[in-house]
């Protein structure tokens, strides 16, 4: 069980991103072959590639948070005194955590409404709640990764090396 949890902690986002990117690339390649060589196209390929891309984006956001490479304004951090900088970084991480939790809550509400209405995608007939679940899953992973980031920042609160801007 510990190996599974270790794998999920270390490789979940990477594995999902590589899988989604590979599926998307293969689908688009097959569509190009079908269109230009066989003069026929698949009705579902672009829609499936679009949905893979949507999921890829949200899983990629979680991967960026895991690496602590999410968007931030490093120049503003230089405005603060050195002794306050670690606390400002932690506050920033907490703000991202709150935002991610908000997206999860509102995403669950939207997904539930899609489930109630029973809407499906045009070409695949896929229930739209599975597509609208992408931000929920992605930002739920962001919540987990941000908790880990805050924990890491608190543990390394007085390390000067941790605040160096790349």
C-alpha atoms as a PDB file:
ATOM      1  CA  UNK A   1       0.000   0.000   0.000  1.00  0.00           C
ATOM      2  CA  UNK A   2       2.873   2.352   0.816  1.00  0.00           C
ATOM      3  CA  UNK A   3       4.367   1.802  -2.662  1.00  0.00           C
ATOM      4  CA  UNK A   4       1.053   2.685  -4.309  1.00  0.00           C
ATOM      5  CA  UNK A   5       0.733   5.878  -2.261  1.00  0.00           C
ATOM      6  CA  UNK A   6       4.347   6.763  -3.008  1.00  0.00           C
ATOM      7  CA  UNK A   7       3.739   6.222  -6.744  1.00  0.00           C
ATOM      8  CA  UNK A   8       0.595   8.367  -6.648  1.00  0.00           C
ATOM      9  CA  UNK A   9       2.399  11.109  -4.747  1.00  0.00           C
ATOM     10  CA  UNK A  10       5.371  11.122  -7.101  1.00  0.00           C
ATOM     11  CA  UNK A  11       3.963  10.207 -10.516  1.00  0.00           C
ATOM     12  CA  UNK A  12       0.164  10.662 -10.651  1.00  0.00           C
ATOM     13  CA  UNK A  13       0.066  13.929 -12.571  1.00  0.00           C
ATOM     14  CA  UNK A  14       2.929  12.987 -14.885  1.00  0.00           C
ATOM     15  CA  UNK A  15       1.340   9.650 -15.759  1.00  0.00           C
ATOM     16  CA  UNK A  16      -2.056  11.210 -16.433  1.00  0.00           C
ATOM     17  CA  UNK A  17      -0.571  14.055 -18.496  1.00  0.00           C
ATOM     18  CA  UNK A  18       1.544  11.719 -20.622  1.00  0.00           C
ATOM     19  CA  UNK A  19      -1.410   9.390 -21.164  1.00  0.00           C
ATOM     20  CA  UNK A  20      -3.791  12.199 -22.115  1.00  0.00           C
ATOM     21  CA  UNK A  21      -1.240  13.844 -24.410  1.00  0.00           C
ATOM     22  CA  UNK A  22      -0.518  10.504 -26.091  1.00  0.00           C
ATOM     23  CA  UNK A  23      -4.204   9.706 -26.632  1.00  0.00           C
ATOM     24  CA  UNK A  24      -4.833  13.199 -27.964  1.00  0.00           C
ATOM     25  CA  UNK A  25      -1.875  13.007 -30.352  1.00  0.00           C
ATOM     26  CA  UNK A  26      -2.834   9.568 -31.656  1.00  0.00           C
ATOM     27  CA  UNK A  27      -6.460  10.608 -32.195  1.00  0.00           C
ATOM     28  CA  UNK A  28      -5.468  13.748 -34.096  1.00  0.00           C
ATOM     29  CA  UNK A  29      -2.923  11.794 -36.162  1.00  0.00           C
ATOM     30  CA  UNK A  30      -5.550   9.205 -37.099  1.00  0.00           C
ATOM     31  CA  UNK A  31      -7.979  11.992 -38.007  1.00  0.00           C
ATOM     32  CA  UNK A  32      -5.385  13.602 -40.309  1.00  0.00           C
ATOM     33  CA  UNK A  33      -4.685  10.240 -41.979  1.00  0.00           C
ATOM     34  CA  UNK A  34      -8.407   9.593 -42.401  1.00  0.00           C
ATOM     35  CA  UNK A  35      -9.053  13.044 -43.826  1.00  0.00           C
ATOM     36  CA  UNK A  36      -6.141  13.384 -46.273  1.00  0.00           C
ATOM     37  CA  UNK A  37      -5.443   9.796 -47.313  1.00  0.00           C
ATOM     38  CA  UNK A  38      -8.856   8.149 -47.133  1.00  0.00           C
ATOM     39  CA  UNK A  39     -10.883  11.334 -47.839  1.00  0.00           C
ATOM     40  CA  UNK A  40     -13.162  10.529 -44.947  1.00  0.00           C
ATOM     41  CA  UNK A  41     -13.225  11.856 -41.424  1.00  0.00           C
ATOM     42  CA  UNK A  42     -14.179  10.527 -38.046  1.00  0.00           C
ATOM     43  CA  UNK A  43     -17.099  12.311 -36.463  1.00  0.00           C
ATOM     44  CA  UNK A  44     -15.931  11.826 -32.889  1.00  0.00           C
ATOM     45  CA  UNK A  45     -12.166  12.363 -33.023  1.00  0.00           C
ATOM     46  CA  UNK A  46     -12.022  16.139 -32.614  1.00  0.00           C
ATOM     47  CA  UNK A  47     -14.448  16.059 -29.717  1.00  0.00           C
ATOM     48  CA  UNK A  48     -12.490  13.345 -27.902  1.00  0.00           C
ATOM     49  CA  UNK A  49      -9.207  15.194 -28.514  1.00  0.00           C
ATOM     50  CA  UNK A  50     -10.794  18.379 -27.123  1.00  0.00           C
ATOM     51  CA  UNK A  51     -11.943  16.570 -23.985  1.00  0.00           C
ATOM     52  CA  UNK A  52      -8.502  15.010 -23.505  1.00  0.00           C
ATOM     53  CA  UNK A  53      -7.036  18.507 -23.846  1.00  0.00           C
ATOM     54  CA  UNK A  54      -9.424  19.890 -21.221  1.00  0.00           C
ATOM     55  CA  UNK A  55      -8.467  17.159 -18.774  1.00  0.00           C
ATOM     56  CA  UNK A  56      -4.789  17.649 -19.646  1.00  0.00           C
ATOM     57  CA  UNK A  57      -4.983  21.346 -18.753  1.00  0.00           C
ATOM     58  CA  UNK A  58      -6.452  20.766 -15.300  1.00  0.00           C
ATOM     59  CA  UNK A  59      -4.139  17.896 -14.454  1.00  0.00           C
ATOM     60  CA  UNK A  60      -1.282  20.083 -15.697  1.00  0.00           C
ATOM     61  CA  UNK A  61      -2.298  22.817 -13.253  1.00  0.00           C
ATOM     62  CA  UNK A  62      -1.951  20.305 -10.423  1.00  0.00           C
ATOM     63  CA  UNK A  63       1.428  19.229 -11.796  1.00  0.00           C
ATOM     64  CA  UNK A  64       2.597  22.845 -11.814  1.00  0.00           C
ATOM     65  CA  UNK A  65       1.535  23.214  -8.190  1.00  0.00           C
ATOM     66  CA  UNK A  66       3.312  19.994  -7.297  1.00  0.00           C
ATOM     67  CA  UNK A  67       6.532  21.471  -8.698  1.00  0.00           C
ATOM     68  CA  UNK A  68       5.723  24.798  -6.984  1.00  0.00           C
ATOM     69  CA  UNK A  69       5.908  26.496 -10.382  1.00  0.00           C
ATOM     70  CA  UNK A  70       2.477  28.080 -10.486  1.00  0.00           C
ATOM     71  CA  UNK A  71       2.102  31.679 -11.576  1.00  0.00           C
ATOM     72  CA  UNK A  72       3.382  34.178  -9.071  1.00  0.00           C
ATOM     73  CA  UNK A  73       4.876  37.621  -9.134  1.00  0.00           C
ATOM     74  CA  UNK A  74       8.429  37.222  -7.913  1.00  0.00           C
ATOM     75  CA  UNK A  75       9.233  40.901  -8.418  1.00  0.00           C
ATOM     76  CA  UNK A  76       6.676  41.826  -5.755  1.00  0.00           C
ATOM     77  CA  UNK A  77       8.401  39.475  -3.318  1.00  0.00           C
ATOM     78  CA  UNK A  78      11.563  41.575  -3.605  1.00  0.00           C
ATOM     79  CA  UNK A  79       9.669  44.545  -2.162  1.00  0.00           C
ATOM     80  CA  UNK A  80       9.426  42.883   1.245  1.00  0.00           C
ATOM     81  CA  UNK A  81      12.187  42.699   3.866  1.00  0.00           C
ATOM     82  CA  UNK A  82      14.064  39.390   3.974  1.00  0.00           C
ATOM     83  CA  UNK A  83      12.620  38.372   7.330  1.00  0.00           C
ATOM     84  CA  UNK A  84       9.020  38.761   6.059  1.00  0.00           C
ATOM     85  CA  UNK A  85       9.492  37.051   2.668  1.00  0.00           C
ATOM     86  CA  UNK A  86       8.916  33.472   3.911  1.00  0.00           C
ATOM     87  CA  UNK A  87       5.594  34.494   5.442  1.00  0.00           C
ATOM     88  CA  UNK A  88       4.507  36.292   2.269  1.00  0.00           C
ATOM     89  CA  UNK A  89       5.284  33.129   0.263  1.00  0.00           C
ATOM     90  CA  UNK A  90       3.220  31.035   2.690  1.00  0.00           C
ATOM     91  CA  UNK A  91       0.323  33.514   2.448  1.00  0.00           C
ATOM     92  CA  UNK A  92       0.529  33.230  -1.345  1.00  0.00           C
ATOM     93  CA  UNK A  93       0.402  29.446  -1.138  1.00  0.00           C
ATOM     94  CA  UNK A  94      -2.601  29.665   1.182  1.00  0.00           C
ATOM     95  CA  UNK A  95      -4.400  32.004  -1.245  1.00  0.00           C
ATOM     96  CA  UNK A  96      -3.885  29.491  -4.051  1.00  0.00           C
ATOM     97  CA  UNK A  97      -5.218  26.790  -1.706  1.00  0.00           C
ATOM     98  CA  UNK A  98      -8.362  28.814  -0.950  1.00  0.00           C
ATOM     99  CA  UNK A  99      -8.918  29.540  -4.655  1.00  0.00           C
ATOM    100  CA  UNK A 100      -8.513  25.849  -5.536  1.00  0.00           C
ATOM    101  CA  UNK A 101     -10.958  24.817  -2.814  1.00  0.00           C
ATOM    102  CA  UNK A 102     -13.471  27.353  -4.159  1.00  0.00           C
ATOM    103  CA  UNK A 103     -13.126  25.928  -7.681  1.00  0.00           C
ATOM    104  CA  UNK A 104     -13.672  22.403  -6.325  1.00  0.00           C
ATOM    105  CA  UNK A 105     -16.868  23.424  -4.508  1.00  0.00           C
ATOM    106  CA  UNK A 106     -18.336  25.357  -7.452  1.00  0.00           C
ATOM    107  CA  UNK A 107     -17.209  22.635  -9.864  1.00  0.00           C
ATOM    108  CA  UNK A 108     -19.056  20.011  -7.853  1.00  0.00           C
ATOM    109  CA  UNK A 109     -22.211  22.137  -8.033  1.00  0.00           C
ATOM    110  CA  UNK A 110     -21.859  22.527 -11.819  1.00  0.00           C
ATOM    111  CA  UNK A 111     -21.171  18.824 -12.292  1.00  0.00           C
ATOM    112  CA  UNK A 112     -24.205  17.942 -10.214  1.00  0.00           C
ATOM    113  CA  UNK A 113     -26.400  20.230 -12.350  1.00  0.00           C
ATOM    114  CA  UNK A 114     -25.057  18.624 -15.529  1.00  0.00           C
ATOM    115  CA  UNK A 115     -25.872  15.233 -14.050  1.00  0.00           C
ATOM    116  CA  UNK A 116     -29.432  16.388 -13.230  1.00  0.00           C
ATOM    117  CA  UNK A 117     -30.026  17.728 -16.730  1.00  0.00           C
ATOM    118  CA  UNK A 118     -28.551  14.622 -18.336  1.00  0.00           C
ATOM    119  CA  UNK A 119     -26.872  16.510 -21.181  1.00  0.00           C
ATOM    120  CA  UNK A 120     -24.547  14.612 -23.471  1.00  0.00           C
ATOM    121  CA  UNK A 121     -21.858  15.603 -25.934  1.00  0.00           C
ATOM    122  CA  UNK A 122     -22.936  15.786 -29.590  1.00  0.00           C
ATOM    123  CA  UNK A 123     -20.597  13.295 -31.288  1.00  0.00           C
ATOM    124  CA  UNK A 124     -19.632  10.859 -28.532  1.00  0.00           C
ATOM    125  CA  UNK A 125     -22.848  10.945 -26.538  1.00  0.00           C
ATOM    126  CA  UNK A 126     -20.667  11.210 -23.435  1.00  0.00           C
ATOM    127  CA  UNK A 127     -22.429  12.655 -20.382  1.00  0.00           C
ATOM    128  CA  UNK A 128     -21.144  16.217 -19.929  1.00  0.00           C
ATOM    129  CA  UNK A 129     -20.659  15.799 -16.194  1.00  0.00           C
ATOM    130  CA  UNK A 130     -17.527  13.777 -16.988  1.00  0.00           C
ATOM    131  CA  UNK A 131     -16.117  16.737 -18.877  1.00  0.00           C
ATOM    132  CA  UNK A 132     -17.158  19.207 -16.169  1.00  0.00           C
ATOM    133  CA  UNK A 133     -15.499  16.949 -13.610  1.00  0.00           C
ATOM    134  CA  UNK A 134     -12.070  17.916 -14.995  1.00  0.00           C
ATOM    135  CA  UNK A 135     -11.737  21.163 -12.992  1.00  0.00           C
ATOM    136  CA  UNK A 136     -13.016  19.398  -9.891  1.00  0.00           C
ATOM    137  CA  UNK A 137     -10.423  16.627 -10.124  1.00  0.00           C
ATOM    138  CA  UNK A 138      -7.644  18.965 -11.237  1.00  0.00           C
ATOM    139  CA  UNK A 139      -8.216  21.505  -8.499  1.00  0.00           C
ATOM    140  CA  UNK A 140      -8.776  18.785  -5.889  1.00  0.00           C
ATOM    141  CA  UNK A 141      -5.262  17.655  -6.763  1.00  0.00           C
ATOM    142  CA  UNK A 142      -4.177  21.303  -6.496  1.00  0.00           C
ATOM    143  CA  UNK A 143      -5.652  21.414  -2.981  1.00  0.00           C
ATOM    144  CA  UNK A 144      -3.621  18.344  -2.023  1.00  0.00           C
ATOM    145  CA  UNK A 145      -0.451  19.729  -3.624  1.00  0.00           C
ATOM    146  CA  UNK A 146      -0.946  23.140  -2.001  1.00  0.00           C
ATOM    147  CA  UNK A 147      -1.324  21.554   1.425  1.00  0.00           C
ATOM    148  CA  UNK A 148       1.951  19.763   0.739  1.00  0.00           C
ATOM    149  CA  UNK A 149       3.528  23.041  -0.436  1.00  0.00           C
ATOM    150  CA  UNK A 150       2.402  24.951   2.653  1.00  0.00           C
ATOM    151  CA  UNK A 151       3.701  22.142   4.846  1.00  0.00           C
ATOM    152  CA  UNK A 152       7.027  22.233   2.992  1.00  0.00           C
ATOM    153  CA  UNK A 153       7.250  26.041   3.260  1.00  0.00           C
ATOM    154  CA  UNK A 154       6.549  25.936   6.998  1.00  0.00           C
ATOM    155  CA  UNK A 155       9.181  23.225   7.526  1.00  0.00           C
ATOM    156  CA  UNK A 156      11.749  25.281   5.572  1.00  0.00           C
ATOM    157  CA  UNK A 157      10.669  28.632   6.961  1.00  0.00           C
ATOM    158  CA  UNK A 158      14.147  29.879   7.754  1.00  0.00           C
ATOM    159  CA  UNK A 159      16.048  28.429   4.782  1.00  0.00           C
ATOM    160  CA  UNK A 160      17.399  31.313   2.708  1.00  0.00           C
ATOM    161  CA  UNK A 161      17.840  29.050  -0.312  1.00  0.00           C
ATOM    162  CA  UNK A 162      14.097  28.357  -0.559  1.00  0.00           C
ATOM    163  CA  UNK A 163      13.295  31.996  -1.359  1.00  0.00           C
ATOM    164  CA  UNK A 164      15.737  32.415  -4.218  1.00  0.00           C
ATOM    165  CA  UNK A 165      13.907  33.520  -7.363  1.00  0.00           C
ATOM    166  CA  UNK A 166      14.633  31.351 -10.393  1.00  0.00           C
END
